[in-house]
Protein backbone atom coordinates (compact mmCIF):
# COMPACT_ATOMS: atom_id res chain seq x y z
CA MET A 1 -59.32 0.66 20.73
CA PRO A 2 -56.49 3.48 20.64
CA GLU A 3 -52.84 1.93 21.22
CA LYS A 4 -51.41 2.80 24.72
CA LYS A 5 -48.26 5.04 24.44
CA TYR A 6 -45.72 4.26 27.22
CA LYS A 7 -44.68 7.39 28.78
CA MET A 8 -41.26 7.04 30.68
CA THR A 9 -40.85 8.43 34.38
CA ASN A 10 -37.86 10.60 34.97
CA LEU A 11 -36.05 8.72 38.12
CA SER A 12 -32.77 10.34 37.76
CA HIS A 13 -33.13 12.29 41.12
CA LEU A 14 -33.42 9.49 43.07
CA THR A 15 -30.37 7.87 45.07
CA ASP A 16 -28.94 4.80 43.76
CA GLY A 17 -30.87 3.08 46.68
CA GLU A 18 -33.89 3.84 45.47
CA LEU A 19 -33.33 2.80 42.13
CA ILE A 20 -32.50 -0.47 43.29
CA GLU A 21 -35.42 -0.90 45.17
CA LEU A 22 -37.56 0.22 42.15
CA LEU A 23 -35.60 -2.53 39.71
CA LYS A 24 -36.27 -5.29 41.76
CA ALA A 25 -40.11 -4.58 41.14
CA ASP A 26 -39.36 -4.80 37.43
CA ASN A 27 -39.55 -1.37 37.12
CA MET A 28 -37.65 -0.44 33.61
CA ASP A 29 -37.53 3.42 34.27
CA ALA A 30 -35.46 2.70 37.22
CA PHE A 31 -32.74 0.69 34.78
CA SER A 32 -33.10 3.26 32.50
CA ALA A 33 -32.01 5.70 35.16
CA ILE A 34 -29.18 3.46 36.06
CA ARG A 35 -27.91 3.00 32.52
CA GLU A 36 -27.83 6.42 31.82
CA ARG A 37 -26.07 7.68 34.83
CA TYR A 38 -23.55 5.44 34.43
CA ARG A 39 -23.35 4.35 30.63
CA LYS A 40 -20.95 7.22 29.69
CA ALA A 41 -18.09 6.65 32.31
CA LEU A 42 -18.35 2.96 31.57
CA LEU A 43 -17.96 3.61 27.44
CA LEU A 44 -15.32 5.85 28.28
CA HIS A 45 -13.33 3.26 30.42
CA ALA A 46 -14.06 0.65 27.56
CA PHE A 47 -13.33 2.68 24.82
CA GLY A 48 -10.14 3.26 26.26
CA GLN A 49 -9.09 -0.37 27.07
CA VAL A 50 -10.24 -1.84 23.74
CA ASN A 51 -10.06 1.36 21.20
CA ASN A 52 -12.96 0.06 19.23
CA GLU A 53 -16.11 1.61 19.48
CA GLN A 54 -18.47 -1.36 18.72
CA GLU A 55 -16.73 -3.83 21.17
CA ALA A 56 -16.79 -1.08 23.93
CA GLN A 57 -20.62 -0.64 23.44
CA TRP A 58 -20.97 -4.42 23.26
CA LEU A 59 -18.79 -4.72 26.65
CA VAL A 60 -20.97 -2.35 28.69
CA ASN A 61 -24.26 -3.50 27.24
CA THR A 62 -23.18 -7.08 28.36
CA CYS A 63 -22.51 -5.29 32.01
CA LEU A 64 -25.81 -3.49 31.94
CA VAL A 65 -27.70 -6.65 31.27
CA SER A 66 -25.68 -8.76 33.81
CA PHE A 67 -27.28 -5.84 35.90
CA TRP A 68 -30.63 -6.25 35.00
CA ASN A 69 -30.62 -10.28 35.44
CA ARG A 70 -29.16 -10.06 38.96
CA ARG A 71 -31.68 -7.64 40.10
CA TYR A 72 -33.29 -9.96 42.13
CA ASP A 73 -30.24 -10.82 44.04
CA HIS A 74 -29.63 -9.56 47.91
CA VAL A 75 -28.24 -6.11 47.63
CA PRO A 76 -26.00 -4.94 50.95
CA GLU A 77 -26.74 -1.90 52.59
CA GLY A 78 -25.01 0.99 51.01
CA PHE A 79 -24.23 -1.17 47.58
CA ASN A 80 -22.12 0.91 45.07
CA ILE A 81 -23.72 0.55 41.54
CA SER A 82 -20.84 2.33 40.23
CA ALA A 83 -18.27 -0.24 41.55
CA TYR A 84 -20.49 -2.71 40.74
CA LEU A 85 -20.44 -2.18 37.10
CA HIS A 86 -16.91 -0.93 36.82
CA LYS A 87 -15.94 -4.36 38.41
CA CYS A 88 -18.30 -6.25 35.74
CA LEU A 89 -16.49 -3.97 32.86
CA LYS A 90 -13.05 -4.71 34.07
CA ASN A 91 -13.88 -8.71 34.12
CA ALA A 92 -15.56 -8.39 30.75
CA ILE A 93 -12.48 -6.62 29.26
CA PHE A 94 -10.14 -9.25 30.88
CA HIS A 95 -12.31 -11.89 29.29
CA TYR A 96 -12.32 -10.12 26.07
CA TYR A 97 -8.41 -10.15 25.49
CA LYS A 98 -8.37 -13.74 26.71
CA ASP A 99 -11.10 -14.89 24.14
CA LEU A 100 -9.11 -12.70 21.72
CA LYS A 101 -5.74 -14.82 22.68
CA ARG A 102 -7.59 -17.85 22.74
CA HIS A 103 -8.75 -17.69 19.25
CA ASN A 104 -5.30 -16.12 17.97
CA LYS A 105 -6.83 -12.88 17.01
CA THR A 106 -5.05 -10.03 17.23
CA PHE A 107 -5.58 -7.38 19.49
CA PRO A 108 -7.16 -4.17 18.43
CA PRO A 109 -5.19 -1.48 16.31
CA CYS A 110 -3.37 0.76 18.52
CA SER A 111 -4.49 -0.51 21.42
CA THR A 112 -2.41 -2.57 23.78
CA PRO A 113 -3.89 -5.39 26.59
CA PRO A 114 -5.38 -3.81 29.72
CA GLU A 115 -2.84 -3.96 32.80
CA VAL A 116 -3.88 -6.44 35.96
CA GLU A 117 -4.14 -4.09 38.78
CA THR A 118 -2.67 -6.08 41.96
CA GLY A 119 -2.48 -3.73 44.73
CA ALA A 120 0.18 -0.78 44.56
CA GLU A 121 1.54 -1.82 40.97
CA SER A 122 -0.02 -3.11 37.88
CA ILE A 123 1.55 -6.19 35.68
CA PRO A 124 0.94 -6.59 31.74
CA TYR A 125 -1.95 -8.97 30.76
CA GLU A 126 0.28 -11.57 28.96
CA LYS A 127 2.29 -11.97 32.39
CA ALA A 128 -0.57 -12.00 34.33
CA MET A 129 -2.24 -14.92 32.06
CA ALA A 130 1.25 -16.80 32.29
CA ILE A 131 1.11 -16.57 36.07
CA LEU A 132 -2.29 -17.82 36.12
CA ASP A 133 -1.82 -20.80 33.98
CA LYS A 134 1.33 -21.78 35.88
CA THR A 135 -1.04 -21.43 39.09
CA PHE A 136 -3.78 -23.56 37.92
CA ALA A 137 -1.00 -26.35 36.87
CA LEU A 138 0.78 -26.31 40.50
CA LEU A 139 -3.00 -26.71 41.90
CA PRO A 140 -4.36 -30.47 42.89
CA GLU A 141 -6.83 -31.65 40.54
CA LYS A 142 -9.90 -30.78 42.72
CA ILE A 143 -8.79 -27.31 43.66
CA ARG A 144 -7.88 -26.87 39.74
CA GLN A 145 -11.34 -27.81 38.67
CA VAL A 146 -13.10 -25.47 41.28
CA ALA A 147 -10.71 -22.91 40.44
CA VAL A 148 -11.31 -22.73 36.69
CA ALA A 149 -15.22 -23.33 37.18
CA ARG A 150 -14.86 -19.89 39.32
CA TYR A 151 -12.69 -18.24 36.82
CA MET A 152 -15.29 -19.15 33.65
CA GLY A 153 -17.96 -17.08 36.11
CA GLN A 154 -19.70 -19.68 38.00
CA THR A 155 -21.16 -18.80 41.96
CA HIS A 156 -19.53 -20.82 44.72
CA LYS A 157 -23.00 -22.15 45.08
CA GLU A 158 -22.98 -23.75 41.31
CA ILE A 159 -19.67 -24.89 42.10
CA ALA A 160 -20.77 -26.84 45.38
CA ILE A 161 -23.63 -28.44 43.53
CA ALA A 162 -21.53 -29.28 40.49
CA PHE A 163 -18.63 -31.16 42.21
CA GLY A 164 -20.38 -32.14 45.49
CA ILE A 165 -18.72 -29.89 47.80
CA SER A 166 -19.85 -27.33 50.65
CA GLU A 167 -20.18 -23.47 49.45
CA LYS A 168 -17.51 -22.97 52.44
CA THR A 169 -15.30 -25.58 50.93
CA SER A 170 -15.51 -23.82 47.45
CA ILE A 171 -14.42 -20.39 49.12
CA ARG A 172 -11.49 -22.10 50.78
CA TYR A 173 -10.09 -23.84 47.12
CA ILE A 174 -10.42 -20.01 45.84
CA GLU A 175 -8.62 -18.82 48.66
CA ALA A 176 -5.95 -21.44 48.11
CA THR A 177 -6.08 -20.89 44.46
CA LYS A 178 -5.58 -16.73 45.05
CA LYS A 179 -2.69 -17.65 47.51
CA VAL A 180 -0.61 -19.75 44.95
CA PHE A 181 -1.30 -16.88 42.75
CA ILE A 182 -0.26 -14.15 44.76
CA ASP A 183 2.84 -16.17 45.76
CA LEU A 184 3.81 -16.62 42.13
CA LEU A 185 3.15 -13.11 41.25
CA HIS A 186 5.96 -11.76 44.11
CA LYS A 187 8.27 -14.23 42.74
CA ALA A 188 7.94 -13.36 39.40
CA PRO A 189 10.52 -10.90 38.07
């Protein structure tokens, strides 16, 4: 029996919303169209932050895989794929530098750590991490545990189950953590 060849359909003309609907039906062509639409911009952004082509590709691929794995999640009307992927990449870059620091590795040559945007201004990564560490130290134990779990990427639902609290309580704890962080941020020189 002759082997069937898979022919990829060009879906690049479809809107993001249409591609998301196809993606939810496990359509790999839709995923490929999304990947091709946003990959170059994501790679440029990642490379500008890590100054290493292989690491940039790895970070972008991580975001794209995350997007594929979350394709069944509820997507609100007017969902912006570009904003989602860039936010995912920003978080991946942040964790990339955090892991470098934790393992006492040096930053890639000719690069500087990313700056953390805080509204109208940005602050150096090291300063943001110091403020985050201070924030965690000031929190009550239960709130600190929830904040660390959220920081490590757990959802509010996962946190609620793990700590035996409601999702609303998890959200309240994270909001309290943000308030402490912002207060410390404003007091920092």
